Amino acid sequence: SDLIAAALDQGYSLIDTAEFYNNERDVGVAIKQSSRRREDVFVISKWWPTSAGAKGVMDSLDNCLKQFAFNTFIFIFTFAIFSLESSYVDLYMIHAPKDGCCAEAYRALTQAKKEGKIK
């Protein structure tokens, strides 16, 4: 998280995370540590397709947001110790889309967008 915070302080404004990368928590911590405001950082995360379909993608999204907040919303998809002070992710994608469950997951993500969890 220290390197990510340093990059943000040097002007980076886009952070790419993913459930598969296991880095959502570190990004939440880094944003909190940096001098940047959450709204000035564009955060991308991704769900790894599973047979869980819509339920799996929504569980992953909610976990991601938890990791970015501090007792409120830890970057809406993952952590709970440091505050990202955010209730949304800017972009949430299906990582390596493949058969079956992706259409169901996509429909669930459109609902998450309506709920404000995804910009």
PDB file of N, CA and C in Angstrom:
ATOM      1  N   SER A   1       0.813  -1.201   0.000  1.00  0.00           N
ATOM      2  CA  SER A   1       0.000   0.000   0.000  1.00  0.00           C
ATOM      3  C   SER A   1       0.862   1.274   0.000  1.00  0.00           C
ATOM      4  N   ASP A   2       2.065   1.190   0.556  1.00  0.00           N
ATOM      5  CA  ASP A   2       2.942   2.371   0.569  1.00  0.00           C
ATOM      6  C   ASP A   2       3.313   2.806  -0.849  1.00  0.00           C
ATOM      7  N   LEU A   3       3.612   1.847  -1.718  1.00  0.00           N
ATOM      8  CA  LEU A   3       3.969   2.194  -3.099  1.00  0.00           C
ATOM      9  C   LEU A   3       2.785   2.792  -3.849  1.00  0.00           C
ATOM     10  N   ILE A   4       1.604   2.256  -3.601  1.00  0.00           N
ATOM     11  CA  ILE A   4       0.409   2.785  -4.257  1.00  0.00           C
ATOM     12  C   ILE A   4       0.140   4.206  -3.760  1.00  0.00           C
ATOM     13  N   ALA A   5       0.259   4.423  -2.459  1.00  0.00           N
ATOM     14  CA  ALA A   5       0.064   5.770  -1.897  1.00  0.00           C
ATOM     15  C   ALA A   5       1.079   6.749  -2.480  1.00  0.00           C
ATOM     16  N   ALA A   6       2.334   6.306  -2.617  1.00  0.00           N
ATOM     17  CA  ALA A   6       3.371   7.172  -3.204  1.00  0.00           C
ATOM     18  C   ALA A   6       3.033   7.509  -4.653  1.00  0.00           C
ATOM     19  N   ALA A   7       2.550   6.532  -5.399  1.00  0.00           N
ATOM     20  CA  ALA A   7       2.156   6.780  -6.792  1.00  0.00           C
ATOM     21  C   ALA A   7       1.013   7.789  -6.856  1.00  0.00           C
ATOM     22  N   LEU A   8       0.040   7.644  -5.968  1.00  0.00           N
ATOM     23  CA  LEU A   8      -1.071   8.599  -5.929  1.00  0.00           C
ATOM     24  C   LEU A   8      -0.559  10.000  -5.600  1.00  0.00           C
ATOM     25  N   ASP A   9       0.346  10.088  -4.657  1.00  0.00           N
ATOM     26  CA  ASP A   9       0.906  11.392  -4.292  1.00  0.00           C
ATOM     27  C   ASP A   9       1.735  12.008  -5.423  1.00  0.00           C
ATOM     28  N   GLN A  10       2.251  11.178  -6.315  1.00  0.00           N
ATOM     29  CA  GLN A  10       3.017  11.669  -7.467  1.00  0.00           C
ATOM     30  C   GLN A  10       2.122  12.027  -8.650  1.00  0.00           C
ATOM     31  N   GLY A  11       0.811  11.776  -8.519  1.00  0.00           N
ATOM     32  CA  GLY A  11      -0.109  12.189  -9.574  1.00  0.00           C
ATOM     33  C   GLY A  11      -0.874  11.087 -10.265  1.00  0.00           C
ATOM     34  N   TYR A  12      -0.579   9.841  -9.953  1.00  0.00           N
ATOM     35  CA  TYR A  12      -1.380   8.771 -10.553  1.00  0.00           C
ATOM     36  C   TYR A  12      -2.829   8.965 -10.133  1.00  0.00           C
ATOM     37  N   SER A  13      -3.740   8.695 -11.056  1.00  0.00           N
ATOM     38  CA  SER A  13      -5.142   8.909 -10.720  1.00  0.00           C
ATOM     39  C   SER A  13      -6.033   7.726 -11.086  1.00  0.00           C
ATOM     40  N   LEU A  14      -5.451   6.652 -11.590  1.00  0.00           N
ATOM     41  CA  LEU A  14      -6.218   5.452 -11.926  1.00  0.00           C
ATOM     42  C   LEU A  14      -5.559   4.250 -11.260  1.00  0.00           C
ATOM     43  N   ILE A  15      -6.354   3.478 -10.525  1.00  0.00           N
ATOM     44  CA  ILE A  15      -5.859   2.282  -9.862  1.00  0.00           C
ATOM     45  C   ILE A  15      -6.689   1.098 -10.341  1.00  0.00           C
ATOM     46  N   ASP A  16      -6.001   0.047 -10.787  1.00  0.00           N
ATOM     47  CA  ASP A  16      -6.649  -1.169 -11.281  1.00  0.00           C
ATOM     48  C   ASP A  16      -6.521  -2.266 -10.228  1.00  0.00           C
ATOM     49  N   THR A  17      -7.643  -2.725  -9.705  1.00  0.00           N
ATOM     50  CA  THR A  17      -7.664  -3.790  -8.709  1.00  0.00           C
ATOM     51  C   THR A  17      -8.465  -4.961  -9.261  1.00  0.00           C
ATOM     52  N   ALA A  18      -8.473  -6.053  -8.529  1.00  0.00           N
ATOM     53  CA  ALA A  18      -9.309  -7.193  -8.904  1.00  0.00           C
ATOM     54  C   ALA A  18      -9.382  -8.172  -7.752  1.00  0.00           C
ATOM     55  N   GLU A  19     -10.510  -8.829  -7.663  1.00  0.00           N
ATOM     56  CA  GLU A  19     -10.668  -9.913  -6.702  1.00  0.00           C
ATOM     57  C   GLU A  19      -9.532 -10.924  -6.897  1.00  0.00           C
ATOM     58  N   PHE A  20      -9.235 -11.239  -8.141  1.00  0.00           N
ATOM     59  CA  PHE A  20      -8.201 -12.218  -8.487  1.00  0.00           C
ATOM     60  C   PHE A  20      -6.804 -11.754  -8.078  1.00  0.00           C
ATOM     61  N   TYR A  21      -6.552 -10.442  -8.134  1.00  0.00           N
ATOM     62  CA  TYR A  21      -5.238  -9.904  -7.769  1.00  0.00           C
ATOM     63  C   TYR A  21      -5.040  -9.848  -6.259  1.00  0.00           C
ATOM     64  N   ASN A  22      -6.145  -9.905  -5.530  1.00  0.00           N
ATOM     65  CA  ASN A  22      -6.098  -9.827  -4.065  1.00  0.00           C
ATOM     66  C   ASN A  22      -5.424  -8.524  -3.601  1.00  0.00           C
ATOM     67  N   ASN A  23      -5.754  -7.420  -4.271  1.00  0.00           N
ATOM     68  CA  ASN A  23      -5.125  -6.144  -3.918  1.00  0.00           C
ATOM     69  C   ASN A  23      -6.128  -5.051  -3.549  1.00  0.00           C
ATOM     70  N   GLU A  24      -7.404  -5.376  -3.446  1.00  0.00           N
ATOM     71  CA  GLU A  24      -8.410  -4.360  -3.156  1.00  0.00           C
ATOM     72  C   GLU A  24      -8.171  -3.723  -1.781  1.00  0.00           C
ATOM     73  N   ARG A  25      -7.823  -4.514  -0.795  1.00  0.00           N
ATOM     74  CA  ARG A  25      -7.562  -3.999   0.552  1.00  0.00           C
ATOM     75  C   ARG A  25      -6.401  -3.005   0.526  1.00  0.00           C
ATOM     76  N   ASP A  26      -5.317  -3.374  -0.140  1.00  0.00           N
ATOM     77  CA  ASP A  26      -4.148  -2.495  -0.197  1.00  0.00           C
ATOM     78  C   ASP A  26      -4.462  -1.173  -0.893  1.00  0.00           C
ATOM     79  N   VAL A  27      -5.288  -1.213  -1.898  1.00  0.00           N
ATOM     80  CA  VAL A  27      -5.670   0.025  -2.593  1.00  0.00           C
ATOM     81  C   VAL A  27      -6.492   0.906  -1.658  1.00  0.00           C
ATOM     82  N   GLY A  28      -7.411   0.310  -0.908  1.00  0.00           N
ATOM     83  CA  GLY A  28      -8.191   1.082   0.052  1.00  0.00           C
ATOM     84  C   GLY A  28      -7.311   1.758   1.082  1.00  0.00           C
ATOM     85  N   VAL A  29      -6.337   1.024   1.596  1.00  0.00           N
ATOM     86  CA  VAL A  29      -5.388   1.568   2.568  1.00  0.00           C
ATOM     87  C   VAL A  29      -4.574   2.695   1.928  1.00  0.00           C
ATOM     88  N   ALA A  30      -4.097   2.464   0.713  1.00  0.00           N
ATOM     89  CA  ALA A  30      -3.248   3.452   0.026  1.00  0.00           C
ATOM     90  C   ALA A  30      -3.981   4.763  -0.214  1.00  0.00           C
ATOM     91  N   ILE A  31      -5.226   4.681  -0.617  1.00  0.00           N
ATOM     92  CA  ILE A  31      -5.980   5.913  -0.852  1.00  0.00           C
ATOM     93  C   ILE A  31      -6.120   6.688   0.455  1.00  0.00           C
ATOM     94  N   LYS A  32      -6.364   5.977   1.531  1.00  0.00           N
ATOM     95  CA  LYS A  32      -6.470   6.624   2.837  1.00  0.00           C
ATOM     96  C   LYS A  32      -5.136   7.261   3.241  1.00  0.00           C
ATOM     97  N   GLN A  33      -4.023   6.585   2.963  1.00  0.00           N
ATOM     98  CA  GLN A  33      -2.696   7.083   3.340  1.00  0.00           C
ATOM     99  C   GLN A  33      -2.239   8.258   2.483  1.00  0.00           C
ATOM    100  N   SER A  34      -2.714   8.316   1.255  1.00  0.00           N
ATOM    101  CA  SER A  34      -2.241   9.349   0.330  1.00  0.00           C
ATOM    102  C   SER A  34      -2.883  10.695   0.634  1.00  0.00           C
ATOM    103  N   SER A  35      -2.420  11.699  -0.071  1.00  0.00           N
ATOM    104  CA  SER A  35      -2.993  13.035   0.076  1.00  0.00           C
ATOM    105  C   SER A  35      -4.171  13.247  -0.879  1.00  0.00           C
ATOM    106  N   ARG A  36      -4.524  12.220  -1.641  1.00  0.00           N
ATOM    107  CA  ARG A  36      -5.600  12.346  -2.641  1.00  0.00           C
ATOM    108  C   ARG A  36      -6.971  12.119  -2.020  1.00  0.00           C
ATOM    109  N   ARG A  37      -7.956  12.838  -2.532  1.00  0.00           N
ATOM    110  CA  ARG A  37      -9.351  12.601  -2.148  1.00  0.00           C
ATOM    111  C   ARG A  37      -9.868  11.431  -2.961  1.00  0.00           C
ATOM    112  N   ARG A  38     -10.769  10.652  -2.399  1.00  0.00           N
ATOM    113  CA  ARG A  38     -11.307   9.479  -3.095  1.00  0.00           C
ATOM    114  C   ARG A  38     -11.867   9.848  -4.459  1.00  0.00           C
ATOM    115  N   GLU A  39     -12.595  10.949  -4.517  1.00  0.00           N
ATOM    116  CA  GLU A  39     -13.231  11.330  -5.788  1.00  0.00           C
ATOM    117  C   GLU A  39     -12.223  11.734  -6.860  1.00  0.00           C
ATOM    118  N   ASP A  40     -10.962  11.912  -6.491  1.00  0.00           N
ATOM    119  CA  ASP A  40      -9.921  12.251  -7.455  1.00  0.00           C
ATOM    120  C   ASP A  40      -9.150  11.032  -7.959  1.00  0.00           C
ATOM    121  N   VAL A  41      -9.550   9.850  -7.506  1.00  0.00           N
ATOM    122  CA  VAL A  41      -8.902   8.604  -7.920  1.00  0.00           C
ATOM    123  C   VAL A  41      -9.943   7.734  -8.611  1.00  0.00           C
ATOM    124  N   PHE A  42      -9.655   7.300  -9.827  1.00  0.00           N
ATOM    125  CA  PHE A  42     -10.546   6.415 -10.573  1.00  0.00           C
ATOM    126  C   PHE A  42     -10.139   4.980 -10.248  1.00  0.00           C
ATOM    127  N   VAL A  43     -11.037   4.245  -9.607  1.00  0.00           N
ATOM    128  CA  VAL A  43     -10.722   2.890  -9.159  1.00  0.00           C
ATOM    129  C   VAL A  43     -11.508   1.874  -9.976  1.00  0.00           C
ATOM    130  N   ILE A  44     -10.775   0.913 -10.526  1.00  0.00           N
ATOM    131  CA  ILE A  44     -11.362  -0.185 -11.292  1.00  0.00           C
ATOM    132  C   ILE A  44     -11.179  -1.460 -10.475  1.00  0.00           C
ATOM    133  N   SER A  45     -12.205  -2.295 -10.444  1.00  0.00           N
ATOM    134  CA  SER A  45     -12.041  -3.632  -9.885  1.00  0.00           C
ATOM    135  C   SER A  45     -12.778  -4.615 -10.788  1.00  0.00           C
ATOM    136  N   LYS A  46     -12.498  -5.892 -10.573  1.00  0.00           N
ATOM    137  CA  LYS A  46     -13.053  -6.919 -11.448  1.00  0.00           C
ATOM    138  C   LYS A  46     -13.453  -8.161 -10.657  1.00  0.00           C
ATOM    139  N   TRP A  47     -14.499  -8.823 -11.129  1.00  0.00           N
ATOM    140  CA  TRP A  47     -14.982 -10.072 -10.552  1.00  0.00           C
ATOM    141  C   TRP A  47     -14.499 -11.229 -11.411  1.00  0.00           C
ATOM    142  N   TRP A  48     -13.978 -12.277 -10.766  1.00  0.00           N
ATOM    143  CA  TRP A  48     -13.556 -13.480 -11.488  1.00  0.00           C
ATOM    144  C   TRP A  48     -14.777 -14.371 -11.661  1.00  0.00           C
ATOM    145  N   PRO A  49     -15.179 -14.661 -12.919  1.00  0.00           N
ATOM    146  CA  PRO A  49     -16.397 -15.445 -13.154  1.00  0.00           C
ATOM    147  C   PRO A  49     -16.357 -16.820 -12.484  1.00  0.00           C
ATOM    148  N   THR A  50     -17.474 -17.137 -11.840  1.00  0.00           N
ATOM    149  CA  THR A  50     -17.660 -18.448 -11.228  1.00  0.00           C
ATOM    150  C   THR A  50     -19.065 -18.923 -11.574  1.00  0.00           C
ATOM    151  N   SER A  51     -19.375 -20.116 -11.168  1.00  0.00           N
ATOM    152  CA  SER A  51     -20.721 -20.634 -11.423  1.00  0.00           C
ATOM    153  C   SER A  51     -21.758 -19.963 -10.534  1.00  0.00           C
ATOM    154  N   ALA A  52     -21.312 -19.118  -9.603  1.00  0.00           N
ATOM    155  CA  ALA A  52     -22.239 -18.451  -8.691  1.00  0.00           C
ATOM    156  C   ALA A  52     -23.059 -17.365  -9.386  1.00  0.00           C
ATOM    157  N   GLY A  53     -22.666 -16.969 -10.580  1.00  0.00           N
ATOM    158  CA  GLY A  53     -23.439 -16.011 -11.362  1.00  0.00           C
ATOM    159  C   GLY A  53     -23.717 -14.713 -10.641  1.00  0.00           C
ATOM    160  N   ALA A  54     -24.990 -14.279 -10.669  1.00  0.00           N
ATOM    161  CA  ALA A  54     -25.376 -12.985 -10.109  1.00  0.00           C
ATOM    162  C   ALA A  54     -25.053 -12.902  -8.622  1.00  0.00           C
ATOM    163  N   LYS A  55     -25.319 -13.947  -7.871  1.00  0.00           N
ATOM    164  CA  LYS A  55     -25.019 -13.922  -6.440  1.00  0.00           C
ATOM    165  C   LYS A  55     -23.516 -13.774  -6.210  1.00  0.00           C
ATOM    166  N   GLY A  56     -22.726 -14.490  -6.982  1.00  0.00           N
ATOM    167  CA  GLY A  56     -21.267 -14.409  -6.838  1.00  0.00           C
ATOM    168  C   GLY A  56     -20.728 -13.034  -7.134  1.00  0.00           C
ATOM    169  N   VAL A  57     -21.217 -12.419  -8.207  1.00  0.00           N
ATOM    170  CA  VAL A  57     -20.711 -11.093  -8.570  1.00  0.00           C
ATOM    171  C   VAL A  57     -21.120 -10.051  -7.534  1.00  0.00           C
ATOM    172  N   MET A  58     -22.342 -10.156  -7.006  1.00  0.00           N
ATOM    173  CA  MET A  58     -22.785  -9.187  -6.005  1.00  0.00           C
ATOM    174  C   MET A  58     -22.058  -9.389  -4.675  1.00  0.00           C
ATOM    175  N   ASP A  59     -21.819 -10.642  -4.279  1.00  0.00           N
ATOM    176  CA  ASP A  59     -21.042 -10.896  -3.060  1.00  0.00           C
ATOM    177  C   ASP A  59     -19.632 -10.322  -3.200  1.00  0.00           C
ATOM    178  N   SER A  60     -19.036 -10.519  -4.379  1.00  0.00           N
ATOM    179  CA  SER A  60     -17.690 -10.010  -4.621  1.00  0.00           C
ATOM    180  C   SER A  60     -17.667  -8.480  -4.592  1.00  0.00           C
ATOM    181  N   LEU A  61     -18.643  -7.862  -5.222  1.00  0.00           N
ATOM    182  CA  LEU A  61     -18.733  -6.400  -5.244  1.00  0.00           C
ATOM    183  C   LEU A  61     -18.897  -5.857  -3.823  1.00  0.00           C
ATOM    184  N   ASP A  62     -19.794  -6.451  -3.061  1.00  0.00           N
ATOM    185  CA  ASP A  62     -20.001  -5.995  -1.691  1.00  0.00           C
ATOM    186  C   ASP A  62     -18.747  -6.187  -0.853  1.00  0.00           C
ATOM    187  N   ASN A  63     -18.054  -7.306  -1.050  1.00  0.00           N
ATOM    188  CA  ASN A  63     -16.807  -7.542  -0.326  1.00  0.00           C
ATOM    189  C   ASN A  63     -15.757  -6.500  -0.710  1.00  0.00           C
ATOM    190  N   CYS A  64     -15.680  -6.191  -1.995  1.00  0.00           N
ATOM    191  CA  CYS A  64     -14.734  -5.179  -2.470  1.00  0.00           C
ATOM    192  C   CYS A  64     -15.015  -3.844  -1.794  1.00  0.00           C
ATOM    193  N   LEU A  65     -16.266  -3.453  -1.744  1.00  0.00           N
ATOM    194  CA  LEU A  65     -16.619  -2.170  -1.148  1.00  0.00           C
ATOM    195  C   LEU A  65     -16.310  -2.150   0.341  1.00  0.00           C
ATOM    196  N   LYS A  66     -16.496  -3.262   1.018  1.00  0.00           N
ATOM    197  CA  LYS A  66     -16.177  -3.334   2.447  1.00  0.00           C
ATOM    198  C   LYS A  66     -14.689  -3.124   2.679  1.00  0.00           C
ATOM    199  N   GLN A  67     -13.858  -3.574   1.757  1.00  0.00           N
ATOM    200  CA  GLN A  67     -12.415  -3.505   1.932  1.00  0.00           C
ATOM    201  C   GLN A  67     -11.892  -2.081   1.801  1.00  0.00           C
ATOM    202  N   PHE A  68     -12.682  -1.173   1.291  1.00  0.00           N
ATOM    203  CA  PHE A  68     -12.209   0.194   1.112  1.00  0.00           C
ATOM    204  C   PHE A  68     -12.761   1.152   2.152  1.00  0.00           C
ATOM    205  N   ALA A  69     -13.390   0.683   3.195  1.00  0.00           N
ATOM    206  CA  ALA A  69     -13.968   1.610   4.161  1.00  0.00           C
ATOM    207  C   ALA A  69     -13.517   1.326   5.575  1.00  0.00           C
ATOM    208  N   PHE A  70     -13.822   2.226   6.434  1.00  0.00           N
ATOM    209  CA  PHE A  70     -13.484   2.086   7.846  1.00  0.00           C
ATOM    210  C   PHE A  70     -14.761   2.180   8.644  1.00  0.00           C
ATOM    211  N   ASN A  71     -15.298   1.037   8.992  1.00  0.00           N
ATOM    212  CA  ASN A  71     -16.551   0.933   9.725  1.00  0.00           C
ATOM    213  C   ASN A  71     -17.734   1.563   8.986  1.00  0.00           C
ATOM    214  N   THR A  72     -17.601   1.849   7.731  1.00  0.00           N
ATOM    215  CA  THR A  72     -18.717   2.313   6.915  1.00  0.00           C
ATOM    216  C   THR A  72     -18.679   1.583   5.590  1.00  0.00           C
ATOM    217  N   PHE A  73     -17.754   1.970   4.693  1.00  0.00           N
ATOM    218  CA  PHE A  73     -17.588   1.272   3.432  1.00  0.00           C
ATOM    219  C   PHE A  73     -16.117   1.196   3.095  1.00  0.00           C
ATOM    220  N   ILE A  74     -15.457   0.098   3.291  1.00  0.00           N
ATOM    221  CA  ILE A  74     -14.036  -0.004   2.984  1.00  0.00           C
ATOM    222  C   ILE A  74     -13.920  -0.260   1.509  1.00  0.00           C
ATOM    223  N   PHE A  75     -13.877   0.790   0.767  1.00  0.00           N
ATOM    224  CA  PHE A  75     -13.848   0.788  -0.689  1.00  0.00           C
ATOM    225  C   PHE A  75     -14.882  -0.167  -1.221  1.00  0.00           C
ATOM    226  N   ILE A  76     -16.007  -0.100  -0.705  1.00  0.00           N
ATOM    227  CA  ILE A  76     -17.188  -0.839  -1.049  1.00  0.00           C
ATOM    228  C   ILE A  76     -16.942  -2.278  -1.414  1.00  0.00           C
ATOM    229  N   PHE A  77     -15.802  -2.709  -1.760  1.00  0.00           N
ATOM    230  CA  PHE A  77     -15.641  -4.103  -2.131  1.00  0.00           C
ATOM    231  C   PHE A  77     -14.604  -4.876  -1.327  1.00  0.00           C
ATOM    232  N   THR A  78     -14.006  -4.384  -0.215  1.00  0.00           N
ATOM    233  CA  THR A  78     -13.038  -5.281   0.423  1.00  0.00           C
ATOM    234  C   THR A  78     -12.599  -5.089   1.864  1.00  0.00           C
ATOM    235  N   PHE A  79     -12.171  -4.023   2.445  1.00  0.00           N
ATOM    236  CA  PHE A  79     -11.441  -3.929   3.704  1.00  0.00           C
ATOM    237  C   PHE A  79     -12.266  -3.298   4.812  1.00  0.00           C
ATOM    238  N   ALA A  80     -11.763  -3.240   6.060  1.00  0.00           N
ATOM    239  CA  ALA A  80     -12.548  -2.613   7.121  1.00  0.00           C
ATOM    240  C   ALA A  80     -11.690  -1.957   8.178  1.00  0.00           C
ATOM    241  N   ILE A  81     -10.452  -1.730   7.933  1.00  0.00           N
ATOM    242  CA  ILE A  81      -9.576  -1.140   8.934  1.00  0.00           C
ATOM    243  C   ILE A  81      -9.263   0.313   8.592  1.00  0.00           C
ATOM    244  N   PHE A  82      -9.000   0.604   7.340  1.00  0.00           N
ATOM    245  CA  PHE A  82      -8.726   1.974   6.912  1.00  0.00           C
ATOM    246  C   PHE A  82      -9.854   2.462   6.017  1.00  0.00           C
ATOM    247  N   SER A  83     -10.134   3.729   6.055  1.00  0.00           N
ATOM    248  CA  SER A  83     -11.273   4.260   5.320  1.00  0.00           C
ATOM    249  C   SER A  83     -10.898   4.789   3.947  1.00  0.00           C
ATOM    250  N   LEU A  84     -11.528   4.243   2.972  1.00  0.00           N
ATOM    251  CA  LEU A  84     -11.441   4.822   1.640  1.00  0.00           C
ATOM    252  C   LEU A  84     -12.489   5.924   1.564  1.00  0.00           C
ATOM    253  N   GLU A  85     -13.395   5.874   2.502  1.00  0.00           N
ATOM    254  CA  GLU A  85     -14.493   6.830   2.568  1.00  0.00           C
ATOM    255  C   GLU A  85     -15.213   6.917   1.239  1.00  0.00           C
ATOM    256  N   SER A  86     -15.593   5.746   0.755  1.00  0.00           N
ATOM    257  CA  SER A  86     -16.276   5.661  -0.529  1.00  0.00           C
ATOM    258  C   SER A  86     -17.353   4.592  -0.457  1.00  0.00           C
ATOM    259  N   SER A  87     -18.437   4.863  -1.105  1.00  0.00           N
ATOM    260  CA  SER A  87     -19.517   3.883  -1.166  1.00  0.00           C
ATOM    261  C   SER A  87     -19.681   3.358  -2.590  1.00  0.00           C
ATOM    262  N   TYR A  88     -18.672   3.596  -3.422  1.00  0.00           N
ATOM    263  CA  TYR A  88     -18.770   3.191  -4.827  1.00  0.00           C
ATOM    264  C   TYR A  88     -17.402   2.833  -5.383  1.00  0.00           C
ATOM    265  N   VAL A  89     -17.444   2.140  -6.505  1.00  0.00           N
ATOM    266  CA  VAL A  89     -16.255   1.909  -7.316  1.00  0.00           C
ATOM    267  C   VAL A  89     -16.550   2.558  -8.660  1.00  0.00           C
ATOM    268  N   ASP A  90     -15.542   3.103  -9.301  1.00  0.00           N
ATOM    269  CA  ASP A  90     -15.791   3.814 -10.554  1.00  0.00           C
ATOM    270  C   ASP A  90     -16.143   2.885 -11.711  1.00  0.00           C
ATOM    271  N   LEU A  91     -15.477   1.744 -11.766  1.00  0.00           N
ATOM    272  CA  LEU A  91     -15.715   0.778 -12.840  1.00  0.00           C
ATOM    273  C   LEU A  91     -15.541  -0.619 -12.271  1.00  0.00           C
ATOM    274  N   TYR A  92     -16.513  -1.488 -12.487  1.00  0.00           N
ATOM    275  CA  TYR A  92     -16.441  -2.875 -12.016  1.00  0.00           C
ATOM    276  C   TYR A  92     -16.722  -3.775 -13.207  1.00  0.00           C
ATOM    277  N   MET A  93     -15.779  -4.650 -13.500  1.00  0.00           N
ATOM    278  CA  MET A  93     -15.876  -5.458 -14.712  1.00  0.00           C
ATOM    279  C   MET A  93     -15.906  -6.952 -14.398  1.00  0.00           C
ATOM    280  N   ILE A  94     -16.335  -7.710 -15.381  1.00  0.00           N
ATOM    281  CA  ILE A  94     -16.238  -9.158 -15.315  1.00  0.00           C
ATOM    282  C   ILE A  94     -14.864  -9.515 -15.859  1.00  0.00           C
ATOM    283  N   HIS A  95     -14.029 -10.095 -15.014  1.00  0.00           N
ATOM    284  CA  HIS A  95     -12.646 -10.438 -15.358  1.00  0.00           C
ATOM    285  C   HIS A  95     -12.656 -11.700 -16.222  1.00  0.00           C
ATOM    286  N   ALA A  96     -12.100 -11.615 -17.421  1.00  0.00           N
ATOM    287  CA  ALA A  96     -12.018 -12.770 -18.329  1.00  0.00           C
ATOM    288  C   ALA A  96     -13.379 -13.433 -18.522  1.00  0.00           C
ATOM    289  N   PRO A  97     -14.339 -12.704 -19.109  1.00  0.00           N
ATOM    290  CA  PRO A  97     -15.681 -13.279 -19.285  1.00  0.00           C
ATOM    291  C   PRO A  97     -15.634 -14.608 -20.027  1.00  0.00           C
ATOM    292  N   LYS A  98     -16.420 -15.535 -19.555  1.00  0.00           N
ATOM    293  CA  LYS A  98     -16.532 -16.841 -20.198  1.00  0.00           C
ATOM    294  C   LYS A  98     -17.911 -17.405 -19.930  1.00  0.00           C
ATOM    295  N   ASP A  99     -18.216 -18.501 -20.562  1.00  0.00           N
ATOM    296  CA  ASP A  99     -19.525 -19.145 -20.533  1.00  0.00           C
ATOM    297  C   ASP A  99     -20.502 -18.779 -19.428  1.00  0.00           C
ATOM    298  N   GLY A 100     -21.683 -19.225 -19.667  1.00  0.00           N
ATOM    299  CA  GLY A 100     -22.797 -19.298 -18.749  1.00  0.00           C
ATOM    300  C   GLY A 100     -23.156 -18.133 -17.869  1.00  0.00           C
ATOM    301  N   CYS A 101     -22.507 -17.993 -16.773  1.00  0.00           N
ATOM    302  CA  CYS A 101     -22.953 -17.115 -15.694  1.00  0.00           C
ATOM    303  C   CYS A 101     -22.728 -15.628 -15.971  1.00  0.00           C
ATOM    304  N   CYS A 102     -22.025 -15.282 -17.009  1.00  0.00           N
ATOM    305  CA  CYS A 102     -21.683 -13.876 -17.229  1.00  0.00           C
ATOM    306  C   CYS A 102     -22.892 -13.001 -17.556  1.00  0.00           C
ATOM    307  N   ALA A 103     -23.847 -13.516 -18.310  1.00  0.00           N
ATOM    308  CA  ALA A 103     -25.033 -12.716 -18.629  1.00  0.00           C
ATOM    309  C   ALA A 103     -25.810 -12.406 -17.363  1.00  0.00           C
ATOM    310  N   GLU A 104     -25.958 -13.385 -16.504  1.00  0.00           N
ATOM    311  CA  GLU A 104     -26.646 -13.199 -15.223  1.00  0.00           C
ATOM    312  C   GLU A 104     -25.882 -12.197 -14.350  1.00  0.00           C
ATOM    313  N   ALA A 105     -24.564 -12.334 -14.313  1.00  0.00           N
ATOM    314  CA  ALA A 105     -23.732 -11.426 -13.529  1.00  0.00           C
ATOM    315  C   ALA A 105     -23.833  -9.998 -14.080  1.00  0.00           C
ATOM    316  N   TYR A 106     -23.840  -9.860 -15.396  1.00  0.00           N
ATOM    317  CA  TYR A 106     -23.964  -8.539 -16.022  1.00  0.00           C
ATOM    318  C   TYR A 106     -25.266  -7.865 -15.600  1.00  0.00           C
ATOM    319  N   ARG A 107     -26.358  -8.612 -15.618  1.00  0.00           N
ATOM    320  CA  ARG A 107     -27.642  -8.039 -15.192  1.00  0.00           C
ATOM    321  C   ARG A 107     -27.574  -7.587 -13.733  1.00  0.00           C
ATOM    322  N   ALA A 108     -26.913  -8.364 -12.895  1.00  0.00           N
ATOM    323  CA  ALA A 108     -26.765  -7.978 -11.488  1.00  0.00           C
ATOM    324  C   ALA A 108     -25.939  -6.705 -11.364  1.00  0.00           C
ATOM    325  N   LEU A 109     -24.899  -6.571 -12.176  1.00  0.00           N
ATOM    326  CA  LEU A 109     -24.062  -5.365 -12.119  1.00  0.00           C
ATOM    327  C   LEU A 109     -24.816  -4.131 -12.595  1.00  0.00           C
ATOM    328  N   THR A 110     -25.728  -4.293 -13.553  1.00  0.00           N
ATOM    329  CA  THR A 110     -26.524  -3.131 -13.972  1.00  0.00           C
ATOM    330  C   THR A 110     -27.407  -2.665 -12.810  1.00  0.00           C
ATOM    331  N   GLN A 111     -27.894  -3.600 -12.001  1.00  0.00           N
ATOM    332  CA  GLN A 111     -28.667  -3.234 -10.811  1.00  0.00           C
ATOM    333  C   GLN A 111     -27.767  -2.525  -9.791  1.00  0.00           C
ATOM    334  N   ALA A 112     -26.556  -3.017  -9.612  1.00  0.00           N
ATOM    335  CA  ALA A 112     -25.614  -2.378  -8.686  1.00  0.00           C
ATOM    336  C   ALA A 112     -25.322  -0.940  -9.127  1.00  0.00           C
ATOM    337  N   LYS A 113     -25.253  -0.721 -10.424  1.00  0.00           N
ATOM    338  CA  LYS A 113     -25.038   0.647 -10.932  1.00  0.00           C
ATOM    339  C   LYS A 113     -26.224   1.527 -10.557  1.00  0.00           C
ATOM    340  N   LYS A 114     -27.436   1.012 -10.723  1.00  0.00           N
ATOM    341  CA  LYS A 114     -28.641   1.784 -10.347  1.00  0.00           C
ATOM    342  C   LYS A 114     -28.641   2.123  -8.862  1.00  0.00           C
ATOM    343  N   GLU A 115     -28.046   1.238  -8.045  1.00  0.00           N
ATOM    344  CA  GLU A 115     -27.996   1.448  -6.599  1.00  0.00           C
ATOM    345  C   GLU A 115     -26.852   2.391  -6.203  1.00  0.00           C
ATOM    346  N   GLY A 116     -26.025   2.787  -7.162  1.00  0.00           N
ATOM    347  CA  GLY A 116     -24.936   3.719  -6.893  1.00  0.00           C
ATOM    348  C   GLY A 116     -23.638   3.054  -6.423  1.00  0.00           C
ATOM    349  N   LYS A 117     -23.580   1.738  -6.454  1.00  0.00           N
ATOM    350  CA  LYS A 117     -22.363   1.044  -6.044  1.00  0.00           C
ATOM    351  C   LYS A 117     -21.275   1.114  -7.112  1.00  0.00           C
ATOM    352  N   ILE A 118     -21.688   1.353  -8.350  1.00  0.00           N
ATOM    353  CA  ILE A 118     -20.783   1.488  -9.492  1.00  0.00           C
ATOM    354  C   ILE A 118     -21.127   2.785 -10.189  1.00  0.00           C
ATOM    355  N   LYS A 119     -20.102   3.584 -10.494  1.00  0.00           N
ATOM    356  CA  LYS A 119     -20.353   4.842 -11.203  1.00  0.00           C
ATOM    357  C   LYS A 119     -20.582   4.539 -12.652  1.00  0.00           C
TER     358      LYS A 119
END
